[in-house]
Amino acid sequence: MSPQLNTTTINSFLGQFSGTIPTGENAVIIWDGAGFHTSKALDVPKNITLVQLPAYSPVLNPIEYL
């Protein structure tokens, strides 16, 4: 757990998550356009594919209704 959420924290998460993916497999993460999700400093491991939701898409991301 981290007291803040930023690019450094996301990079740490991606690195740790990458290590849990079996060899030869790929994980897909679907997430929103938060700044730390789109940073140029993001270090995405080769066995993880990121899919960004389109902006203002409540049908795909129900949290936007809140």
PDB file of N, CA and C in Angstrom:
ATOM      1  N   MET A   1       0.839  -1.166   0.000  1.00  0.00           N
ATOM      2  CA  MET A   1       0.000   0.000   0.000  1.00  0.00           C
ATOM      3  C   MET A   1       0.893   1.240   0.000  1.00  0.00           C
ATOM      4  N   SER A   2       0.442   2.274  -0.693  1.00  0.00           N
ATOM      5  CA  SER A   2       1.211   3.504  -0.816  1.00  0.00           C
ATOM      6  C   SER A   2       0.354   4.685  -0.364  1.00  0.00           C
ATOM      7  N   PRO A   3       0.960   5.667   0.291  1.00  0.00           N
ATOM      8  CA  PRO A   3       0.189   6.832   0.718  1.00  0.00           C
ATOM      9  C   PRO A   3      -0.165   7.766  -0.437  1.00  0.00           C
ATOM     10  N   GLN A   4       0.438   7.551  -1.601  1.00  0.00           N
ATOM     11  CA  GLN A   4       0.130   8.383  -2.758  1.00  0.00           C
ATOM     12  C   GLN A   4       0.102   7.544  -4.022  1.00  0.00           C
ATOM     13  N   LEU A   5      -0.575   8.072  -5.026  1.00  0.00           N
ATOM     14  CA  LEU A   5      -0.654   7.374  -6.302  1.00  0.00           C
ATOM     15  C   LEU A   5      -0.078   8.291  -7.366  1.00  0.00           C
ATOM     16  N   ASN A   6       1.029   7.848  -7.957  1.00  0.00           N
ATOM     17  CA  ASN A   6       1.708   8.634  -8.976  1.00  0.00           C
ATOM     18  C   ASN A   6       2.408   7.672  -9.939  1.00  0.00           C
ATOM     19  N   THR A   7       3.145   8.215 -10.895  1.00  0.00           N
ATOM     20  CA  THR A   7       3.805   7.374 -11.893  1.00  0.00           C
ATOM     21  C   THR A   7       4.795   6.399 -11.266  1.00  0.00           C
ATOM     22  N   THR A   8       5.533   6.848 -10.263  1.00  0.00           N
ATOM     23  CA  THR A   8       6.492   5.965  -9.591  1.00  0.00           C
ATOM     24  C   THR A   8       5.776   4.773  -8.966  1.00  0.00           C
ATOM     25  N   THR A   9       4.664   5.036  -8.311  1.00  0.00           N
ATOM     26  CA  THR A   9       3.881   3.961  -7.682  1.00  0.00           C
ATOM     27  C   THR A   9       3.318   3.013  -8.744  1.00  0.00           C
ATOM     28  N   ILE A  10       2.804   3.579  -9.840  1.00  0.00           N
ATOM     29  CA  ILE A  10       2.249   2.746 -10.915  1.00  0.00           C
ATOM     30  C   ILE A  10       3.342   1.881 -11.540  1.00  0.00           C
ATOM     31  N   ASN A  11       4.539   2.454 -11.755  1.00  0.00           N
ATOM     32  CA  ASN A  11       5.655   1.667 -12.301  1.00  0.00           C
ATOM     33  C   ASN A  11       6.021   0.519 -11.369  1.00  0.00           C
ATOM     34  N   SER A  12       6.005   0.771 -10.081  1.00  0.00           N
ATOM     35  CA  SER A  12       6.294  -0.282  -9.109  1.00  0.00           C
ATOM     36  C   SER A  12       5.235  -1.383  -9.184  1.00  0.00           C
ATOM     37  N   PHE A  13       3.969  -0.968  -9.249  1.00  0.00           N
ATOM     38  CA  PHE A  13       2.873  -1.938  -9.365  1.00  0.00           C
ATOM     39  C   PHE A  13       3.025  -2.787 -10.626  1.00  0.00           C
ATOM     40  N   LEU A  14       3.264  -2.118 -11.774  1.00  0.00           N
ATOM     41  CA  LEU A  14       3.390  -2.857 -13.032  1.00  0.00           C
ATOM     42  C   LEU A  14       4.543  -3.852 -12.978  1.00  0.00           C
ATOM     43  N   GLY A  15       5.662  -3.452 -12.381  1.00  0.00           N
ATOM     44  CA  GLY A  15       6.804  -4.351 -12.260  1.00  0.00           C
ATOM     45  C   GLY A  15       6.488  -5.573 -11.408  1.00  0.00           C
ATOM     46  N   GLN A  16       5.818  -5.334 -10.277  1.00  0.00           N
ATOM     47  CA  GLN A  16       5.460  -6.450  -9.397  1.00  0.00           C
ATOM     48  C   GLN A  16       4.412  -7.347 -10.056  1.00  0.00           C
ATOM     49  N   PHE A  17       3.425  -6.736 -10.690  1.00  0.00           N
ATOM     50  CA  PHE A  17       2.371  -7.510 -11.353  1.00  0.00           C
ATOM     51  C   PHE A  17       2.950  -8.341 -12.496  1.00  0.00           C
ATOM     52  N   SER A  18       3.879  -7.753 -13.248  1.00  0.00           N
ATOM     53  CA  SER A  18       4.527  -8.444 -14.358  1.00  0.00           C
ATOM     54  C   SER A  18       5.174  -9.751 -13.897  1.00  0.00           C
ATOM     55  N   GLY A  19       5.755  -9.733 -12.705  1.00  0.00           N
ATOM     56  CA  GLY A  19       6.422 -10.916 -12.178  1.00  0.00           C
ATOM     57  C   GLY A  19       5.480 -12.057 -11.830  1.00  0.00           C
ATOM     58  N   THR A  20       4.180 -11.782 -11.753  1.00  0.00           N
ATOM     59  CA  THR A  20       3.208 -12.825 -11.417  1.00  0.00           C
ATOM     60  C   THR A  20       2.600 -13.483 -12.659  1.00  0.00           C
ATOM     61  N   ILE A  21       2.898 -12.930 -13.826  1.00  0.00           N
ATOM     62  CA  ILE A  21       2.318 -13.436 -15.071  1.00  0.00           C
ATOM     63  C   ILE A  21       3.181 -14.602 -15.576  1.00  0.00           C
ATOM     64  N   PRO A  22       2.573 -15.743 -15.812  1.00  0.00           N
ATOM     65  CA  PRO A  22       3.346 -16.904 -16.283  1.00  0.00           C
ATOM     66  C   PRO A  22       4.079 -16.614 -17.589  1.00  0.00           C
ATOM     67  N   THR A  23       5.228 -17.216 -17.764  1.00  0.00           N
ATOM     68  CA  THR A  23       6.039 -17.062 -18.967  1.00  0.00           C
ATOM     69  C   THR A  23       5.221 -17.410 -20.205  1.00  0.00           C
ATOM     70  N   GLY A  24       5.322 -16.568 -21.209  1.00  0.00           N
ATOM     71  CA  GLY A  24       4.609 -16.812 -22.452  1.00  0.00           C
ATOM     72  C   GLY A  24       3.192 -16.252 -22.470  1.00  0.00           C
ATOM     73  N   GLU A  25       2.746 -15.695 -21.356  1.00  0.00           N
ATOM     74  CA  GLU A  25       1.399 -15.129 -21.297  1.00  0.00           C
ATOM     75  C   GLU A  25       1.481 -13.616 -21.235  1.00  0.00           C
ATOM     76  N   ASN A  26       0.358 -12.966 -21.519  1.00  0.00           N
ATOM     77  CA  ASN A  26       0.269 -11.513 -21.520  1.00  0.00           C
ATOM     78  C   ASN A  26      -0.975 -11.106 -20.733  1.00  0.00           C
ATOM     79  N   ALA A  27      -0.854 -10.037 -19.961  1.00  0.00           N
ATOM     80  CA  ALA A  27      -1.999  -9.506 -19.219  1.00  0.00           C
ATOM     81  C   ALA A  27      -2.457  -8.211 -19.873  1.00  0.00           C
ATOM     82  N   VAL A  28      -3.749  -7.961 -19.818  1.00  0.00           N
ATOM     83  CA  VAL A  28      -4.311  -6.720 -20.336  1.00  0.00           C
ATOM     84  C   VAL A  28      -4.918  -5.957 -19.168  1.00  0.00           C
ATOM     85  N   ILE A  29      -4.555  -4.679 -19.053  1.00  0.00           N
ATOM     86  CA  ILE A  29      -5.119  -3.824 -18.014  1.00  0.00           C
ATOM     87  C   ILE A  29      -5.923  -2.741 -18.716  1.00  0.00           C
ATOM     88  N   ILE A  30      -7.184  -2.614 -18.335  1.00  0.00           N
ATOM     89  CA  ILE A  30      -8.053  -1.570 -18.872  1.00  0.00           C
ATOM     90  C   ILE A  30      -8.195  -0.510 -17.799  1.00  0.00           C
ATOM     91  N   TRP A  31      -7.804   0.740 -18.150  1.00  0.00           N
ATOM     92  CA  TRP A  31      -7.920   1.803 -17.154  1.00  0.00           C
ATOM     93  C   TRP A  31      -8.248   3.134 -17.789  1.00  0.00           C
ATOM     94  N   ASP A  32      -8.536   4.111 -16.914  1.00  0.00           N
ATOM     95  CA  ASP A  32      -8.952   5.425 -17.388  1.00  0.00           C
ATOM     96  C   ASP A  32      -7.744   6.283 -17.755  1.00  0.00           C
ATOM     97  N   GLY A  33      -7.992   7.534 -18.081  1.00  0.00           N
ATOM     98  CA  GLY A  33      -6.943   8.428 -18.538  1.00  0.00           C
ATOM     99  C   GLY A  33      -6.310   9.273 -17.447  1.00  0.00           C
ATOM    100  N   ALA A  34      -6.270   8.784 -16.222  1.00  0.00           N
ATOM    101  CA  ALA A  34      -5.623   9.531 -15.141  1.00  0.00           C
ATOM    102  C   ALA A  34      -4.189   9.870 -15.537  1.00  0.00           C
ATOM    103  N   GLY A  35      -3.681  10.988 -15.055  1.00  0.00           N
ATOM    104  CA  GLY A  35      -2.355  11.456 -15.427  1.00  0.00           C
ATOM    105  C   GLY A  35      -1.258  10.433 -15.233  1.00  0.00           C
ATOM    106  N   PHE A  36      -1.320   9.681 -14.138  1.00  0.00           N
ATOM    107  CA  PHE A  36      -0.286   8.679 -13.885  1.00  0.00           C
ATOM    108  C   PHE A  36      -0.484   7.437 -14.729  1.00  0.00           C
ATOM    109  N   HIS A  37      -1.623   7.314 -15.417  1.00  0.00           N
ATOM    110  CA  HIS A  37      -1.852   6.203 -16.341  1.00  0.00           C
ATOM    111  C   HIS A  37      -1.349   6.536 -17.743  1.00  0.00           C
ATOM    112  N   THR A  38      -1.124   7.820 -18.014  1.00  0.00           N
ATOM    113  CA  THR A  38      -0.743   8.238 -19.359  1.00  0.00           C
ATOM    114  C   THR A  38       0.621   8.923 -19.407  1.00  0.00           C
ATOM    115  N   SER A  39       1.326   8.926 -18.315  1.00  0.00           N
ATOM    116  CA  SER A  39       2.619   9.596 -18.232  1.00  0.00           C
ATOM    117  C   SER A  39       3.629   9.009 -19.215  1.00  0.00           C
ATOM    118  N   LYS A  40       4.459   9.869 -19.798  1.00  0.00           N
ATOM    119  CA  LYS A  40       5.522   9.395 -20.689  1.00  0.00           C
ATOM    120  C   LYS A  40       6.595   8.642 -19.916  1.00  0.00           C
ATOM    121  N   ALA A  41       6.618   8.812 -18.591  1.00  0.00           N
ATOM    122  CA  ALA A  41       7.601   8.119 -17.753  1.00  0.00           C
ATOM    123  C   ALA A  41       7.117   6.726 -17.336  1.00  0.00           C
ATOM    124  N   LEU A  42       5.956   6.317 -17.829  1.00  0.00           N
ATOM    125  CA  LEU A  42       5.414   5.000 -17.498  1.00  0.00           C
ATOM    126  C   LEU A  42       6.301   3.919 -18.102  1.00  0.00           C
ATOM    127  N   ASP A  43       6.650   2.935 -17.305  1.00  0.00           N
ATOM    128  CA  ASP A  43       7.516   1.833 -17.737  1.00  0.00           C
ATOM    129  C   ASP A  43       6.678   0.556 -17.776  1.00  0.00           C
ATOM    130  N   VAL A  44       6.160   0.237 -18.947  1.00  0.00           N
ATOM    131  CA  VAL A  44       5.252  -0.904 -19.095  1.00  0.00           C
ATOM    132  C   VAL A  44       6.036  -2.136 -19.517  1.00  0.00           C
ATOM    133  N   PRO A  45       6.011  -3.189 -18.691  1.00  0.00           N
ATOM    134  CA  PRO A  45       6.697  -4.434 -19.056  1.00  0.00           C
ATOM    135  C   PRO A  45       6.125  -5.023 -20.347  1.00  0.00           C
ATOM    136  N   LYS A  46       6.947  -5.795 -21.051  1.00  0.00           N
ATOM    137  CA  LYS A  46       6.546  -6.368 -22.337  1.00  0.00           C
ATOM    138  C   LYS A  46       5.385  -7.355 -22.227  1.00  0.00           C
ATOM    139  N   ASN A  47       5.176  -7.934 -21.038  1.00  0.00           N
ATOM    140  CA  ASN A  47       4.096  -8.920 -20.898  1.00  0.00           C
ATOM    141  C   ASN A  47       2.793  -8.299 -20.376  1.00  0.00           C
ATOM    142  N   ILE A  48       2.706  -6.961 -20.450  1.00  0.00           N
ATOM    143  CA  ILE A  48       1.481  -6.259 -20.051  1.00  0.00           C
ATOM    144  C   ILE A  48       1.070  -5.325 -21.185  1.00  0.00           C
ATOM    145  N   THR A  49      -0.212  -5.386 -21.556  1.00  0.00           N
ATOM    146  CA  THR A  49      -0.782  -4.489 -22.552  1.00  0.00           C
ATOM    147  C   THR A  49      -1.753  -3.567 -21.843  1.00  0.00           C
ATOM    148  N   LEU A  50      -1.612  -2.263 -22.077  1.00  0.00           N
ATOM    149  CA  LEU A  50      -2.502  -1.280 -21.470  1.00  0.00           C
ATOM    150  C   LEU A  50      -3.533  -0.829 -22.492  1.00  0.00           C
ATOM    151  N   VAL A  51      -4.799  -0.786 -22.090  1.00  0.00           N
ATOM    152  CA  VAL A  51      -5.878  -0.297 -22.930  1.00  0.00           C
ATOM    153  C   VAL A  51      -6.538   0.845 -22.182  1.00  0.00           C
ATOM    154  N   GLN A  52      -6.500   2.026 -22.776  1.00  0.00           N
ATOM    155  CA  GLN A  52      -7.085   3.196 -22.126  1.00  0.00           C
ATOM    156  C   GLN A  52      -8.525   3.382 -22.584  1.00  0.00           C
ATOM    157  N   LEU A  53      -9.421   3.582 -21.618  1.00  0.00           N
ATOM    158  CA  LEU A  53     -10.816   3.859 -21.944  1.00  0.00           C
ATOM    159  C   LEU A  53     -10.922   5.228 -22.601  1.00  0.00           C
ATOM    160  N   PRO A  54     -11.861   5.400 -23.526  1.00  0.00           N
ATOM    161  CA  PRO A  54     -12.063   6.730 -24.098  1.00  0.00           C
ATOM    162  C   PRO A  54     -12.574   7.684 -23.008  1.00  0.00           C
ATOM    163  N   ALA A  55     -12.282   8.964 -23.184  1.00  0.00           N
ATOM    164  CA  ALA A  55     -12.755   9.964 -22.222  1.00  0.00           C
ATOM    165  C   ALA A  55     -14.286   9.993 -22.194  1.00  0.00           C
ATOM    166  N   TYR A  56     -14.824  10.231 -21.015  1.00  0.00           N
ATOM    167  CA  TYR A  56     -16.278  10.362 -20.835  1.00  0.00           C
ATOM    168  C   TYR A  56     -17.038   9.194 -21.429  1.00  0.00           C
ATOM    169  N   SER A  57     -16.745   8.018 -20.924  1.00  0.00           N
ATOM    170  CA  SER A  57     -17.400   6.809 -21.425  1.00  0.00           C
ATOM    171  C   SER A  57     -18.080   6.060 -20.288  1.00  0.00           C
ATOM    172  N   PRO A  58     -19.180   6.613 -19.742  1.00  0.00           N
ATOM    173  CA  PRO A  58     -19.832   5.969 -18.599  1.00  0.00           C
ATOM    174  C   PRO A  58     -20.354   4.565 -18.886  1.00  0.00           C
ATOM    175  N   VAL A  59     -20.631   4.250 -20.141  1.00  0.00           N
ATOM    176  CA  VAL A  59     -21.092   2.904 -20.474  1.00  0.00           C
ATOM    177  C   VAL A  59     -19.978   1.894 -20.218  1.00  0.00           C
ATOM    178  N   LEU A  60     -18.726   2.309 -20.474  1.00  0.00           N
ATOM    179  CA  LEU A  60     -17.583   1.421 -20.279  1.00  0.00           C
ATOM    180  C   LEU A  60     -16.982   1.523 -18.883  1.00  0.00           C
ATOM    181  N   ASN A  61     -17.200   2.662 -18.211  1.00  0.00           N
ATOM    182  CA  ASN A  61     -16.603   2.910 -16.900  1.00  0.00           C
ATOM    183  C   ASN A  61     -17.683   3.466 -15.967  1.00  0.00           C
ATOM    184  N   PRO A  62     -18.457   2.591 -15.309  1.00  0.00           N
ATOM    185  CA  PRO A  62     -19.606   3.022 -14.504  1.00  0.00           C
ATOM    186  C   PRO A  62     -19.279   4.036 -13.394  1.00  0.00           C
ATOM    187  N   ILE A  63     -18.027   4.131 -12.959  1.00  0.00           N
ATOM    188  CA  ILE A  63     -17.684   5.090 -11.906  1.00  0.00           C
ATOM    189  C   ILE A  63     -17.936   6.527 -12.371  1.00  0.00           C
ATOM    190  N   GLU A  64     -17.974   6.754 -13.687  1.00  0.00           N
ATOM    191  CA  GLU A  64     -18.190   8.102 -14.203  1.00  0.00           C
ATOM    192  C   GLU A  64     -19.596   8.611 -13.885  1.00  0.00           C
ATOM    193  N   TYR A  65     -20.529   7.734 -13.536  1.00  0.00           N
ATOM    194  CA  TYR A  65     -21.867   8.183 -13.158  1.00  0.00           C
ATOM    195  C   TYR A  65     -21.841   8.910 -11.805  1.00  0.00           C
ATOM    196  N   LEU A  66     -20.827   8.618 -10.998  1.00  0.00           N
ATOM    197  CA  LEU A  66     -20.758   9.260  -9.685  1.00  0.00           C
ATOM    198  C   LEU A  66     -20.277  10.639  -9.854  1.00  0.00           C
TER     199      LEU A  66
END
